[in-house]
Amino acid sequence: MTLIARNRKISDKEAELVSELCKVLNIENNYCKNAIERLYSNKFVLESPPKFLNQAAARAFVRDAIKIGFADKNLHLFALNWLKFVAEANNIDKTWCILQLQDYLETPEEDENIFNMLSVNQLVNIEDEG
């Protein structure tokens, strides 16, 4: 949510992706909608990047943050800087992040089913099997 809050606008596609992410994480739909609607007025939105316990979760977060934050295919300086802070906080190579962003931005819209491609889907499925 911080990524969306930083660029100060929420596109319909970003809101849809956040809703999909909430479903995957089993977060109640009304809670998710309220969070999106109140995002700009919420003074408790964390500015500091999340720190994950493992690289798989951190990388899934970065990939999904790219998909959500750049759903409109526009580069936002605040979003780029925030992703840089997330990478640093989680010891993720910045080059890897740039390659993820580049791959996403070069993916033709018509060939992409982004709702089924959230990285957290794969991470949750792996944990469910284990």
Protein backbone atom coordinates (compact mmCIF):
# COMPACT_ATOMS: atom_id res chain seq x y z
CA MET A 1 0.00 0.00 0.00
CA THR A 2 2.92 2.33 0.66
CA LEU A 3 3.95 2.04 -2.98
CA ILE A 4 0.53 3.21 -4.15
CA ALA A 5 0.31 5.90 -1.48
CA ARG A 6 3.66 7.35 -2.47
CA ASN A 7 2.63 8.17 -6.04
CA ARG A 8 -0.61 9.70 -4.70
CA LYS A 9 -3.05 8.04 -7.06
CA ILE A 10 -4.73 4.67 -7.36
CA SER A 11 -5.68 3.39 -10.78
CA ASP A 12 -8.53 0.93 -11.23
CA LYS A 13 -6.02 -1.75 -12.18
CA GLU A 14 -3.94 -1.11 -9.05
CA ALA A 15 -7.07 -1.38 -6.88
CA GLU A 16 -8.04 -4.64 -8.63
CA LEU A 17 -4.56 -6.08 -8.05
CA VAL A 18 -4.62 -5.14 -4.37
CA SER A 19 -8.03 -6.82 -4.07
CA GLU A 20 -6.65 -9.94 -5.74
CA LEU A 21 -3.68 -9.91 -3.37
CA CYS A 22 -6.07 -9.65 -0.43
CA LYS A 23 -7.93 -12.75 -1.70
CA VAL A 24 -4.70 -14.74 -1.99
CA LEU A 25 -3.70 -13.73 1.53
CA ASN A 26 -7.22 -14.46 2.82
CA ILE A 27 -7.85 -10.87 3.92
CA GLU A 28 -11.53 -9.96 4.23
CA ASN A 29 -12.81 -8.14 1.12
CA ASN A 30 -14.49 -5.22 2.96
CA TYR A 31 -11.33 -4.60 5.00
CA CYS A 32 -9.31 -4.44 1.80
CA LYS A 33 -11.77 -2.06 0.09
CA ASN A 34 -11.81 0.24 3.10
CA ALA A 35 -8.02 0.28 3.23
CA ILE A 36 -7.83 1.28 -0.44
CA GLU A 37 -10.49 4.00 -0.04
CA ARG A 38 -8.82 5.49 3.03
CA LEU A 39 -5.23 5.14 1.84
CA TYR A 40 -4.44 8.83 1.45
CA SER A 41 -5.96 9.86 4.76
CA ASN A 42 -4.30 7.04 6.71
CA LYS A 43 -1.46 8.57 8.72
CA PHE A 44 -0.30 5.09 9.75
CA VAL A 45 0.86 3.97 6.30
CA LEU A 46 4.41 2.84 6.93
CA GLU A 47 7.13 4.68 5.09
CA SER A 48 9.81 2.20 6.07
CA PRO A 49 10.26 -0.87 3.87
CA PRO A 50 9.15 -4.27 5.13
CA LYS A 51 11.85 -6.69 6.24
CA PHE A 52 11.19 -10.35 5.42
CA LEU A 53 12.48 -13.48 7.12
CA ASN A 54 13.55 -15.10 3.87
CA GLN A 55 14.62 -14.13 0.35
CA ALA A 56 11.75 -15.99 -1.33
CA ALA A 57 9.15 -13.85 0.46
CA ALA A 58 11.13 -10.66 -0.15
CA ARG A 59 11.51 -11.40 -3.86
CA ALA A 60 7.81 -12.31 -4.18
CA PHE A 61 6.94 -9.03 -2.48
CA VAL A 62 9.15 -7.02 -4.86
CA ARG A 63 7.74 -8.75 -7.96
CA ASP A 64 4.15 -8.16 -6.80
CA ALA A 65 4.90 -4.57 -5.76
CA ILE A 66 6.17 -3.95 -9.29
CA LYS A 67 3.01 -5.46 -10.78
CA ILE A 68 0.76 -3.38 -8.53
CA GLY A 69 2.75 -0.16 -8.42
CA PHE A 70 3.35 -0.04 -12.15
CA ALA A 71 0.02 -1.48 -13.28
CA ASP A 72 -0.50 1.68 -15.32
CA LYS A 73 2.93 1.11 -16.99
CA ASN A 74 4.13 4.51 -15.72
CA LEU A 75 7.37 4.97 -13.83
CA HIS A 76 6.89 6.91 -10.62
CA LEU A 77 10.02 8.23 -8.90
CA PHE A 78 8.58 7.64 -5.42
CA ALA A 79 7.74 4.06 -6.30
CA LEU A 80 11.19 3.40 -7.74
CA ASN A 81 12.89 4.81 -4.65
CA TRP A 82 10.67 2.83 -2.32
CA LEU A 83 11.47 -0.42 -4.17
CA LYS A 84 15.15 0.45 -3.84
CA PHE A 85 14.69 0.76 -0.06
CA VAL A 86 12.84 -2.59 0.06
CA ALA A 87 15.71 -4.23 -1.85
CA GLU A 88 18.33 -2.73 0.47
CA ALA A 89 16.42 -3.72 3.61
CA ASN A 90 16.19 -7.32 2.40
CA ASN A 91 19.67 -7.68 0.87
CA ILE A 92 18.27 -8.07 -2.63
CA ASP A 93 20.55 -7.12 -5.49
CA LYS A 94 19.32 -3.88 -7.09
CA THR A 95 20.20 -5.24 -10.53
CA TRP A 96 17.75 -8.10 -9.98
CA CYS A 97 15.04 -5.55 -9.10
CA ILE A 98 15.76 -3.51 -12.22
CA LEU A 99 15.55 -6.66 -14.36
CA GLN A 100 12.20 -7.57 -12.76
CA LEU A 101 10.86 -4.09 -13.49
CA GLN A 102 12.20 -4.15 -17.04
CA ASP A 103 10.64 -7.57 -17.70
CA TYR A 104 7.30 -6.37 -16.36
CA LEU A 105 7.29 -3.14 -18.35
CA GLU A 106 8.20 -5.00 -21.55
CA THR A 107 5.43 -7.59 -21.13
CA PRO A 108 2.74 -6.88 -23.72
CA GLU A 109 -0.56 -6.17 -21.97
CA GLU A 110 -2.56 -8.53 -24.18
CA ASP A 111 -0.28 -11.48 -23.38
CA GLU A 112 -0.40 -11.00 -19.65
CA ASN A 113 -2.89 -12.34 -17.13
CA ILE A 114 -1.50 -10.41 -14.19
CA PHE A 115 -4.18 -11.48 -11.73
CA ASN A 116 -2.99 -15.10 -11.94
CA MET A 117 0.67 -14.12 -12.03
CA LEU A 118 1.04 -12.64 -8.56
CA SER A 119 4.19 -14.14 -7.07
CA VAL A 120 2.57 -14.52 -3.67
CA ASN A 121 0.25 -17.14 -5.27
CA GLN A 122 3.26 -19.38 -5.88
CA LEU A 123 4.69 -18.72 -2.42
CA VAL A 124 1.40 -19.51 -0.66
CA ASN A 125 0.94 -22.69 -2.74
CA ILE A 126 4.45 -23.88 -1.86
CA GLU A 127 3.82 -23.29 1.85
CA ASP A 128 0.43 -25.03 1.67
CA GLU A 129 2.07 -28.12 0.14
CA GLY A 130 4.86 -28.20 2.74
